Amino acid sequence: MPELRLLDPDGYVVPEGRITVTSTTEAKARTALQALAIEHAQQWAWARYDHRNYRIVTH
């Protein structure tokens, strides 16, 4: 099964940013990872992280 990974602007996988998906769960997983990107960027705001610079990749 494919795995979605959330990468921060520096290209590192965000903790808890890995989700194994099926064709029926992929859309929900992507939404969850987008929300995680916003939370993570807020925690790293002092380093000028912006949630728009995060990427979701399939592995």
Protein backbone atom coordinates (compact mmCIF):
# COMPACT_ATOMS: atom_id res chain seq x y z
CA MET A 1 0.00 0.00 0.00
CA PRO A 2 1.27 3.49 -0.74
CA GLU A 3 2.28 5.86 2.00
CA LEU A 4 1.82 9.62 2.02
CA ARG A 5 4.54 11.67 3.67
CA LEU A 6 4.42 15.31 4.69
CA LEU A 7 7.71 17.08 4.02
CA ASP A 8 8.62 20.36 5.67
CA PRO A 9 10.21 23.20 3.66
CA ASP A 10 13.66 21.71 4.31
CA GLY A 11 12.61 18.32 2.90
CA TYR A 12 12.37 16.43 6.19
CA VAL A 13 9.41 14.21 7.05
CA VAL A 14 7.26 15.89 9.69
CA PRO A 15 6.82 13.77 12.84
CA GLU A 16 3.50 11.95 12.56
CA GLY A 17 3.47 12.95 8.89
CA ARG A 18 3.33 9.42 7.47
CA ILE A 19 0.02 7.78 6.60
CA THR A 20 -0.51 4.50 4.77
CA VAL A 21 -3.46 4.90 2.40
CA THR A 22 -5.79 3.03 0.11
CA SER A 23 -7.66 4.50 -2.83
CA THR A 24 -10.64 5.18 -0.58
CA THR A 25 -8.67 6.85 2.25
CA GLU A 26 -6.23 8.97 0.27
CA ALA A 27 -8.35 12.14 0.08
CA LYS A 28 -9.04 12.12 3.82
CA ALA A 29 -5.35 11.49 4.56
CA ARG A 30 -4.29 14.41 2.36
CA THR A 31 -6.69 16.70 4.23
CA ALA A 32 -5.26 15.53 7.55
CA LEU A 33 -1.70 16.14 6.36
CA GLN A 34 -2.59 19.63 5.16
CA ALA A 35 -3.95 20.39 8.64
CA LEU A 36 -0.77 18.96 10.16
CA ALA A 37 1.31 21.24 7.91
CA ILE A 38 -0.51 24.29 9.28
CA GLU A 39 0.06 23.17 12.88
CA HIS A 40 3.71 22.34 12.27
CA ALA A 41 4.36 25.65 10.50
CA GLN A 42 2.84 27.53 13.44
CA GLN A 43 5.19 25.75 15.83
CA TRP A 44 8.16 26.70 13.63
CA ALA A 45 7.00 30.23 12.81
CA TRP A 46 10.14 31.65 14.42
CA ALA A 47 12.09 29.90 11.62
CA ARG A 48 9.76 31.46 9.02
CA TYR A 49 8.11 28.19 8.07
CA ASP A 50 4.98 28.62 5.96
CA HIS A 51 2.46 25.82 5.49
CA ARG A 52 2.29 26.63 1.77
CA ASN A 53 5.87 25.41 1.40
CA TYR A 54 5.13 21.91 2.70
CA ARG A 55 4.75 19.03 0.25
CA ILE A 56 2.85 15.76 0.36
CA VAL A 57 4.66 12.99 -1.49
CA THR A 58 3.72 9.41 -2.23
CA HIS A 59 6.26 6.82 -1.20
